[in-house]
Protein backbone atom coordinates (compact mmCIF):
# COMPACT_ATOMS: atom_id res chain seq x y z
CA UNK A 1 -40.87 198.09 221.94
CA UNK A 2 -44.23 198.40 220.17
CA UNK A 3 -46.99 199.81 221.26
CA UNK A 4 -49.58 198.09 223.26
CA UNK A 5 -52.69 197.82 220.95
CA UNK A 6 -50.05 195.81 218.06
CA UNK A 7 -48.77 193.51 220.87
CA UNK A 8 -52.18 192.58 222.30
CA UNK A 9 -53.99 192.13 217.95
CA UNK A 10 -50.08 189.88 217.40
CA UNK A 11 -50.90 187.98 220.52
CA UNK A 12 -54.30 187.27 219.89
CA UNK A 13 -52.80 184.76 217.69
CA UNK A 14 -50.84 183.50 219.67
CA UNK A 15 -51.05 179.92 222.11
CA UNK A 16 -48.94 179.64 224.91
CA UNK A 17 -48.29 175.88 226.05
CA UNK A 18 -45.67 174.97 228.66
CA UNK A 19 -42.99 175.84 226.80
CA UNK A 20 -43.13 177.52 223.14
CA UNK A 21 -45.93 180.39 222.08
CA UNK A 22 -47.42 178.67 219.10
CA UNK A 23 -48.69 180.68 215.88
CA UNK A 24 -51.88 180.33 215.21
CA UNK A 25 -52.00 182.10 212.28
CA UNK A 26 -51.12 182.45 208.85
CA UNK A 27 -47.99 179.87 207.67
CA UNK A 28 -45.32 180.47 204.85
CA UNK A 29 -44.58 177.61 202.17
CA UNK A 30 -41.33 176.86 204.44
CA UNK A 31 -43.77 176.25 208.07
CA UNK A 32 -42.76 179.33 209.59
CA UNK A 33 -45.32 181.54 210.70
CA UNK A 34 -45.91 184.95 208.63
CA UNK A 35 -47.75 188.42 209.65
CA UNK A 36 -47.91 191.99 208.17
CA UNK A 37 -46.90 194.49 210.80
CA UNK A 38 -46.58 198.34 209.91
CA UNK A 39 -47.85 197.25 205.56
CA UNK A 40 -45.27 194.57 205.61
CA UNK A 41 -45.29 190.48 205.33
CA UNK A 42 -42.86 189.24 208.22
CA UNK A 43 -41.83 185.74 209.83
CA UNK A 44 -44.31 186.02 212.89
CA UNK A 45 -41.00 184.77 214.93
CA UNK A 46 -39.28 188.16 213.48
CA UNK A 47 -42.43 189.93 214.06
CA UNK A 48 -41.98 188.59 217.39
CA UNK A 49 -38.61 189.76 218.11
CA UNK A 50 -39.65 193.04 217.08
CA UNK A 51 -42.29 193.71 219.03
CA UNK A 52 -40.52 192.59 222.41
CA UNK A 53 -36.98 193.60 221.75
CA UNK A 54 -36.98 196.47 219.13
CA UNK A 55 -35.80 196.81 215.81
CA UNK A 56 -33.69 193.81 213.60
CA UNK A 57 -30.17 195.52 212.29
CA UNK A 58 -29.47 194.67 208.98
CA UNK A 59 -28.10 191.54 207.85
CA UNK A 60 -29.52 190.16 210.22
CA UNK A 61 -31.99 186.88 211.04
CA UNK A 62 -34.50 185.50 214.15
CA UNK A 63 -32.83 182.20 214.43
CA UNK A 64 -34.35 179.39 217.35
CA UNK A 65 -32.20 178.28 220.28
CA UNK A 66 -31.26 174.20 220.43
CA UNK A 67 -34.00 174.38 223.07
CA UNK A 68 -36.93 174.86 220.48
CA UNK A 69 -37.23 172.77 217.91
CA UNK A 70 -40.61 174.34 216.43
CA UNK A 71 -40.83 176.74 213.58
CA UNK A 72 -44.78 177.90 214.74
CA UNK A 73 -43.08 178.95 217.71
CA UNK A 74 -42.33 182.95 218.89
CA UNK A 75 -41.62 182.69 222.35
CA UNK A 76 -39.23 186.00 222.75
CA UNK A 77 -37.15 183.67 224.84
CA UNK A 78 -36.64 181.01 222.26
CA UNK A 79 -34.71 183.26 219.60
CA UNK A 80 -32.08 184.89 218.79
CA UNK A 81 -30.23 186.71 216.30
CA UNK A 82 -27.58 186.04 214.61
CA UNK A 83 -26.37 186.23 210.29
CA UNK A 84 -27.53 184.92 207.88
CA UNK A 85 -23.99 182.80 207.43
CA UNK A 86 -24.25 181.70 211.66
CA UNK A 87 -27.99 180.25 210.79
CA UNK A 88 -26.83 178.62 207.99
CA UNK A 89 -24.36 176.88 209.67
CA UNK A 90 -26.43 175.99 213.37
CA UNK A 91 -26.94 172.21 212.67
CA UNK A 92 -30.08 172.52 215.11
CA UNK A 93 -32.49 175.46 213.22
CA UNK A 94 -33.62 175.74 209.63
CA UNK A 95 -31.24 177.41 206.56
CA UNK A 96 -33.34 180.11 205.49
CA UNK A 97 -31.44 179.43 201.99
CA UNK A 98 -33.21 176.03 201.06
CA UNK A 99 -36.24 176.16 203.34
CA UNK A 100 -35.33 172.45 204.97
CA UNK A 101 -34.92 171.58 208.28
CA UNK A 102 -31.38 170.22 208.88
CA UNK A 103 -31.61 167.57 210.93
CA UNK A 104 -29.32 167.28 214.36
CA UNK A 105 -26.58 165.55 214.28
CA UNK A 106 -27.33 162.02 216.68
CA UNK A 107 -24.75 162.12 219.70
CA UNK A 108 -21.68 160.30 219.25
CA UNK A 109 -21.34 157.42 221.59
CA UNK A 110 -18.63 154.57 221.82
CA UNK A 111 -18.70 151.47 220.06
CA UNK A 112 -18.96 149.96 223.45
CA UNK A 113 -21.52 151.82 224.11
CA UNK A 114 -23.07 150.73 220.71
CA UNK A 115 -21.93 147.28 221.41
CA UNK A 116 -23.47 146.24 224.69
CA UNK A 117 -26.81 148.07 222.87
CA UNK A 118 -27.86 144.99 221.43
CA UNK A 119 -27.00 142.28 224.05
CA UNK A 120 -29.23 140.93 227.16
CA UNK A 121 -27.78 139.91 230.02
CA UNK A 122 -29.66 136.82 231.30
CA UNK A 123 -28.31 134.29 234.23
CA UNK A 124 -25.91 133.16 233.08
CA UNK A 125 -25.42 134.28 228.84
CA UNK A 126 -25.25 137.56 227.62
CA UNK A 127 -26.79 137.08 224.23
CA UNK A 128 -26.53 138.91 220.96
CA UNK A 129 -29.71 140.73 219.42
CA UNK A 130 -27.69 142.75 216.47
CA UNK A 131 -26.84 140.88 213.18
CA UNK A 132 -26.32 137.37 212.49
CA UNK A 133 -24.08 136.17 209.67
CA UNK A 134 -26.05 132.57 207.74
CA UNK A 135 -24.08 129.80 210.74
CA UNK A 136 -26.16 132.03 213.14
CA UNK A 137 -23.40 133.80 215.45
CA UNK A 138 -23.60 137.47 216.11
CA UNK A 139 -21.69 140.10 213.90
CA UNK A 140 -20.39 143.31 214.55
CA UNK A 141 -18.79 146.44 213.27
CA UNK A 142 -16.04 147.28 214.56
CA UNK A 143 -12.27 149.48 214.33
CA UNK A 144 -13.39 149.46 210.57
CA UNK A 145 -14.29 145.50 210.47
CA UNK A 146 -16.46 143.48 210.46
CA UNK A 147 -15.72 141.07 213.33
CA UNK A 148 -18.06 138.03 214.77
CA UNK A 149 -19.75 139.47 218.15
CA UNK A 150 -18.16 136.85 220.67
CA UNK A 151 -14.59 137.90 219.21
CA UNK A 152 -15.82 141.84 220.08
CA UNK A 153 -16.74 140.92 223.63
CA UNK A 154 -13.26 138.88 224.19
CA UNK A 155 -11.19 142.74 222.57
CA UNK A 156 -13.40 145.14 224.62
CA UNK A 157 -12.87 142.82 227.76
CA UNK A 158 -9.36 141.36 227.10
CA UNK A 159 -7.58 143.64 224.86
CA UNK A 160 -6.23 142.27 221.91
CA UNK A 161 -6.24 138.63 220.52
CA UNK A 162 -3.25 137.12 219.59
CA UNK A 163 -3.30 136.13 215.38
CA UNK A 164 -3.84 133.06 215.07
CA UNK A 165 -6.30 132.44 217.79
CA UNK A 166 -9.89 131.92 217.35
CA UNK A 167 -12.36 132.20 220.59
CA UNK A 168 -14.32 129.30 221.70
CA UNK A 169 -17.41 129.13 223.83
CA UNK A 170 -17.41 127.28 227.17
CA UNK A 171 -21.08 127.39 226.93
CA UNK A 172 -21.81 126.13 222.98
CA UNK A 173 -24.61 128.70 222.23
CA UNK A 174 -23.65 130.80 219.30
CA UNK A 175 -24.93 134.24 220.61
CA UNK A 176 -23.50 134.52 223.78
CA UNK A 177 -20.61 136.88 224.01
CA UNK A 178 -20.72 136.48 228.02
CA UNK A 179 -16.55 136.60 228.58
CA UNK A 180 -16.50 134.58 231.08
CA UNK A 181 -17.76 131.62 228.42
CA UNK A 182 -14.99 133.12 226.16
CA UNK A 183 -11.60 131.15 225.89
CA UNK A 184 -8.80 131.71 223.50
CA UNK A 185 -7.44 128.65 221.62
CA UNK A 186 -5.79 127.67 218.52
CA UNK A 187 -7.78 126.50 215.20
CA UNK A 188 -7.06 122.62 216.34
CA UNK A 189 -8.05 123.54 219.75
CA UNK A 190 -11.42 124.83 218.32
CA UNK A 191 -12.05 121.72 216.47
CA UNK A 192 -10.92 119.28 219.11
CA UNK A 193 -13.22 120.96 221.51
CA UNK A 194 -16.08 120.64 219.05
CA UNK A 195 -15.44 117.47 218.25
CA UNK A 196 -15.75 116.19 222.38
CA UNK A 197 -19.02 117.95 222.40
CA UNK A 198 -20.28 116.41 218.91
CA UNK A 199 -20.58 119.10 217.55
CA UNK A 200 -18.33 117.49 214.47
CA UNK A 201 -20.06 113.71 214.11
CA UNK A 202 -23.78 116.44 213.74
CA UNK A 203 -22.42 118.24 211.27
CA UNK A 204 -20.73 115.39 209.16
CA UNK A 205 -24.39 113.96 209.64
CA UNK A 206 -26.13 116.98 208.29
CA UNK A 207 -22.87 117.44 205.18
CA UNK A 208 -23.95 113.52 204.37
CA UNK A 209 -27.46 114.56 204.04
CA UNK A 210 -27.62 117.40 202.33
CA UNK A 211 -25.40 115.45 199.77
CA UNK A 212 -27.95 112.31 198.81
CA UNK A 213 -30.86 114.55 199.00
CA UNK A 214 -31.95 113.15 195.42
CA UNK A 215 -29.91 110.07 195.45
CA UNK A 216 -31.76 109.06 198.97
CA UNK A 217 -34.11 106.61 197.00
CA UNK A 218 -32.07 103.43 196.58
CA UNK A 219 -32.54 100.60 193.86
CA UNK A 220 -30.88 96.96 193.52
CA UNK A 221 -29.55 98.31 190.37
CA UNK A 222 -29.13 100.71 187.72
CA UNK A 223 -31.60 100.80 185.19
CA UNK A 224 -28.98 101.59 182.39
CA UNK A 225 -25.12 100.35 183.82
CA UNK A 226 -26.73 97.51 186.17
CA UNK A 227 -24.37 98.98 189.11
CA UNK A 228 -25.48 98.18 192.34
CA UNK A 229 -22.53 99.88 194.35
CA UNK A 230 -23.81 103.21 194.47
CA UNK A 231 -26.70 104.79 195.57
CA UNK A 232 -29.29 105.57 192.77
CA UNK A 233 -31.93 108.32 191.79
CA UNK A 234 -35.60 108.50 192.31
CA UNK A 235 -35.96 107.86 188.41
CA UNK A 236 -33.37 104.40 188.94
CA UNK A 237 -30.45 106.08 187.59
CA UNK A 238 -27.08 106.24 189.09
CA UNK A 239 -25.05 109.12 190.02
CA UNK A 240 -22.96 108.24 186.46
CA UNK A 241 -25.60 107.33 184.31
CA UNK A 242 -27.69 110.26 185.40
CA UNK A 243 -25.16 113.51 184.93
CA UNK A 244 -24.70 111.46 181.69
CA UNK A 245 -28.69 111.47 180.63
CA UNK A 246 -29.04 114.84 181.80
CA UNK A 247 -25.99 116.54 179.84
CA UNK A 248 -26.84 114.43 176.66
CA UNK A 249 -30.77 115.84 176.30
CA UNK A 250 -29.30 119.09 177.62
CA UNK A 251 -27.04 119.41 174.60
CA UNK A 252 -30.28 117.69 171.80
CA UNK A 253 -32.01 120.51 172.90
CA UNK A 254 -29.11 123.55 172.65
CA UNK A 255 -28.49 121.85 169.26
CA UNK A 256 -32.33 121.53 168.50
CA UNK A 257 -32.37 124.97 169.72
CA UNK A 258 -29.81 126.53 167.12
CA UNK A 259 -31.02 124.90 164.02
CA UNK A 260 -34.59 126.24 164.43
CA UNK A 261 -32.83 129.71 165.07
CA UNK A 262 -30.85 129.08 161.99
CA UNK A 263 -34.08 127.66 160.11
CA UNK A 264 -35.53 131.02 160.91
């Protein structure tokens, strides 16, 4: 135990809070408190141990307990002695060999917990709030593979999905993963269900609109071949003549660039 004078001088540089005793003096380059004790530079929490409990045996270091994440803390009840090897292996505290804080590993949670953390439950549907595919279905990494969220929901509630079967919605909400809104069916059953609900017709109209695009403007006849049986491009050409003209122009441009490179 240290003399009262040494302890009083030390405590003058300490700010006590409800939990930690924070060092207010000099700080080392690695972020720990630093103090001079009997002519030797010491880490402040190591000096605190010596002042309260006595000398530290050779080969031991003073570490912070798991309850204390603060490098500046010098509260003796937050400290313990360990070997350098034990301190390095301790994932909660500071590695003195590298001068950096080893991150505290995140607690492991089950796949089901991870899954339902991304779900917002409403009165009817359970809406997925995680990652979404290009077709607007939820997706989730489960059992080593990225899967559709409503399929994962079925697997979590009912078990493995038989090979060749789809998980279909009764509510027609793609982001819904409520197991009571899901049912199993073949690919044919899924298509027939979509057809009954009018989804296939809507998809066909969408594809047709996308294909028409720049061919939406119609002319009485193509300006090159005079055909009247096809939709025409805005330039007045049918699709066949337009593609032929475009390929010809691209080829002529290529030949011209080749001649210029050869002449140079």
